[in-house]
Amino acid sequence: MAGHRLMRDPLLPEIMLAAALGLALSYYSRGTAFRAVVIFIAAAVAAALLPLPGFTSEIAFAAAWLSVAVTAASLHLRETWRLRAGPWLAWGLALNAGLWAGLLNQMSLSPSGLAFALPFVALMLPGAWLVGRGWGIAVKVAASWLIAIAVLQIALGFVPTPGYEADHME
């Protein structure tokens, strides 16, 4: 069982949630983005500290990877759709990412994992610089890689992988 826990350390999806949110926030105004970061951090810390029963690790991992994909995919929306949604889309993505990052932290091998993952939201700073210079395609490529990783991780949940499931020898 120790090997199962080691292979499913929640730190990676926590980092990916923060990174996906940071990249998505690159396309928003500075004020909206910074409010979203505050929402993300508050939700993550609250979810990490408050016991929320009923969430198995499988649900938390699947929801976190799905959230990575959706958050990263949101920056591929047309600008008119993002403008129509206003800051609410950014704030909703931040709340969702924060809740799942915090829940994953409850299952973490190290309770300080959240402190390591949260700074990755700062990718919005170089991302906003790239978008401002007209090089937003670089941010979109990075987000597409996050989507690919998340989809592969979700698919792994449906494939029996040695090391993830107990076998007849245990």
Protein backbone atom coordinates (compact mmCIF):
# COMPACT_ATOMS: atom_id res chain seq x y z
CA MET A 1 0.00 0.00 0.00
CA ALA A 2 2.93 2.34 0.61
CA GLY A 3 3.93 2.03 -3.05
CA HIS A 4 0.39 2.91 -4.14
CA ARG A 5 0.47 6.05 -2.02
CA LEU A 6 3.89 7.04 -3.26
CA MET A 7 2.88 6.73 -6.92
CA ARG A 8 -0.23 8.83 -6.38
CA ASP A 9 1.28 11.77 -4.54
CA PRO A 10 -1.14 14.68 -5.05
CA LEU A 11 1.63 17.26 -5.40
CA LEU A 12 1.75 16.99 -9.21
CA PRO A 13 -1.95 17.72 -9.79
CA GLU A 14 -1.78 20.51 -7.21
CA ILE A 15 1.08 22.11 -9.15
CA MET A 16 -0.69 21.57 -12.45
CA LEU A 17 -3.89 23.20 -11.13
CA ALA A 18 -1.94 26.28 -10.06
CA ALA A 19 -0.02 26.39 -13.35
CA ALA A 20 -3.17 25.99 -15.46
CA LEU A 21 -4.87 28.77 -13.53
CA GLY A 22 -1.82 31.01 -13.90
CA LEU A 23 -1.74 30.50 -17.64
CA ALA A 24 -5.50 31.08 -17.95
CA LEU A 25 -5.23 34.30 -15.92
CA SER A 26 -2.63 35.61 -18.38
CA TYR A 27 -5.50 36.69 -20.61
CA TYR A 28 -7.39 38.70 -17.96
CA SER A 29 -6.91 42.20 -16.65
CA ARG A 30 -4.43 42.59 -13.82
CA GLY A 31 -7.18 43.37 -11.28
CA THR A 32 -9.32 40.38 -12.23
CA ALA A 33 -6.27 38.10 -12.22
CA PHE A 34 -5.07 39.20 -8.79
CA ARG A 35 -8.56 38.81 -7.30
CA ALA A 36 -8.68 35.33 -8.81
CA VAL A 37 -5.33 34.49 -7.19
CA VAL A 38 -6.68 35.58 -3.81
CA ILE A 39 -9.79 33.41 -4.35
CA PHE A 40 -7.59 30.48 -5.40
CA ILE A 41 -5.32 30.73 -2.35
CA ALA A 42 -8.22 31.25 0.08
CA ALA A 43 -10.16 28.29 -1.33
CA ALA A 44 -7.09 26.05 -1.32
CA VAL A 45 -6.16 26.86 2.26
CA ALA A 46 -9.76 26.54 3.45
CA ALA A 47 -10.25 23.18 1.72
CA ALA A 48 -6.91 21.95 3.07
CA LEU A 49 -7.79 22.87 6.66
CA LEU A 50 -11.48 21.98 6.77
CA PRO A 51 -12.30 18.28 6.81
CA LEU A 52 -14.62 17.49 3.92
CA PRO A 53 -15.77 13.88 4.26
CA GLY A 54 -17.00 11.81 1.36
CA PHE A 55 -14.25 12.48 -1.14
CA THR A 56 -12.21 9.42 -2.03
CA SER A 57 -8.78 9.83 -3.54
CA GLU A 58 -10.08 8.55 -6.88
CA ILE A 59 -12.75 11.27 -7.00
CA ALA A 60 -10.30 13.96 -5.93
CA PHE A 61 -7.68 12.93 -8.49
CA ALA A 62 -10.19 12.62 -11.34
CA ALA A 63 -11.80 15.97 -10.52
CA ALA A 64 -8.43 17.67 -10.15
CA TRP A 65 -7.16 16.40 -13.51
CA LEU A 66 -10.45 17.33 -15.16
CA SER A 67 -10.14 20.79 -13.60
CA VAL A 68 -6.60 21.13 -14.98
CA ALA A 69 -7.90 20.34 -18.47
CA VAL A 70 -10.90 22.68 -18.24
CA THR A 71 -8.91 25.53 -16.69
CA ALA A 72 -6.17 25.27 -19.30
CA ALA A 73 -8.73 24.92 -22.10
CA SER A 74 -10.52 28.08 -20.97
CA LEU A 75 -7.80 30.27 -22.44
CA HIS A 76 -8.58 28.83 -25.86
CA LEU A 77 -12.02 30.44 -25.68
CA ARG A 78 -12.61 33.31 -28.03
CA GLU A 79 -11.85 36.64 -26.46
CA THR A 80 -15.46 37.76 -26.99
CA TRP A 81 -16.67 34.81 -24.90
CA ARG A 82 -14.23 35.63 -22.11
CA LEU A 83 -15.34 39.28 -22.19
CA ARG A 84 -19.00 38.26 -22.09
CA ALA A 85 -18.39 36.11 -19.01
CA GLY A 86 -16.53 38.98 -17.37
CA PRO A 87 -14.43 38.32 -14.31
CA TRP A 88 -16.83 35.59 -13.15
CA LEU A 89 -15.21 32.96 -15.34
CA ALA A 90 -11.77 33.70 -13.90
CA TRP A 91 -13.10 33.72 -10.36
CA GLY A 92 -15.04 30.49 -10.88
CA LEU A 93 -11.98 28.76 -12.31
CA ALA A 94 -9.92 30.01 -9.36
CA LEU A 95 -12.47 28.77 -6.82
CA ASN A 96 -12.69 25.37 -8.49
CA ALA A 97 -8.90 24.97 -8.73
CA GLY A 98 -8.43 26.08 -5.14
CA LEU A 99 -11.00 23.65 -3.77
CA TRP A 100 -9.47 20.64 -5.54
CA ALA A 101 -5.91 21.66 -4.70
CA GLY A 102 -6.89 21.95 -1.04
CA LEU A 103 -8.68 18.60 -1.03
CA LEU A 104 -5.67 16.95 -2.65
CA ASN A 105 -3.46 18.47 0.02
CA GLN A 106 -5.46 16.59 2.65
CA MET A 107 -4.27 13.35 1.01
CA SER A 108 -0.71 14.53 0.49
CA LEU A 109 2.40 12.80 1.75
CA SER A 110 3.51 16.22 2.95
CA PRO A 111 1.05 18.75 4.31
CA SER A 112 3.35 21.51 3.06
CA GLY A 113 2.74 20.46 -0.55
CA LEU A 114 0.21 23.23 -0.99
CA ALA A 115 2.83 25.81 -0.04
CA PHE A 116 5.04 24.40 -2.79
CA ALA A 117 2.24 24.28 -5.40
CA LEU A 118 0.56 27.65 -4.89
CA PRO A 119 3.41 29.81 -6.28
CA PHE A 120 2.97 28.19 -9.70
CA VAL A 121 -0.05 30.45 -10.21
CA ALA A 122 2.55 33.19 -10.68
CA LEU A 123 2.96 31.89 -14.24
CA MET A 124 0.32 34.52 -14.99
CA LEU A 125 3.02 37.20 -14.77
CA PRO A 126 5.27 36.02 -17.61
CA GLY A 127 2.14 34.79 -19.39
CA ALA A 128 0.57 38.25 -19.29
CA TRP A 129 3.84 39.73 -20.52
CA LEU A 130 3.85 37.30 -23.47
CA VAL A 131 0.19 38.02 -24.26
CA GLY A 132 0.84 41.76 -24.05
CA ARG A 133 3.67 41.48 -26.59
CA GLY A 134 1.48 39.52 -28.99
CA TRP A 135 3.14 36.19 -28.22
CA GLY A 136 0.10 34.63 -26.57
CA ILE A 137 0.51 31.54 -28.73
CA ALA A 138 3.34 30.46 -26.38
CA VAL A 139 0.92 30.54 -23.45
CA LYS A 140 -1.64 28.57 -25.45
CA VAL A 141 0.96 25.93 -26.36
CA ALA A 142 1.94 25.55 -22.70
CA ALA A 143 -1.74 25.24 -21.76
CA SER A 144 -2.23 22.63 -24.45
CA TRP A 145 0.55 20.56 -22.92
CA LEU A 146 -1.21 20.75 -19.56
CA ILE A 147 -4.43 19.59 -21.21
CA ALA A 148 -2.60 16.64 -22.79
CA ILE A 149 -1.04 15.63 -19.47
CA ALA A 150 -4.39 15.90 -17.67
CA VAL A 151 -6.20 13.82 -20.30
CA LEU A 152 -3.48 11.16 -20.12
CA GLN A 153 -3.74 11.07 -16.34
CA ILE A 154 -7.51 10.67 -16.53
CA ALA A 155 -7.10 7.88 -19.08
CA LEU A 156 -4.64 6.10 -16.77
CA GLY A 157 -7.48 5.83 -14.26
CA PHE A 158 -9.29 3.52 -16.66
CA VAL A 159 -6.29 1.34 -17.48
CA PRO A 160 -4.98 -1.17 -14.94
CA THR A 161 -1.41 -0.06 -14.37
CA PRO A 162 1.08 -2.18 -12.41
CA GLY A 163 1.86 -0.51 -9.14
CA TYR A 164 -1.41 1.37 -8.82
CA GLU A 165 -3.60 -1.62 -7.93
CA ALA A 166 -2.97 -4.33 -5.37
CA ASP A 167 -2.07 -7.60 -7.02
CA HIS A 168 -2.32 -11.23 -5.94
CA MET A 169 1.12 -11.06 -4.27
CA GLU A 170 0.11 -8.50 -1.64
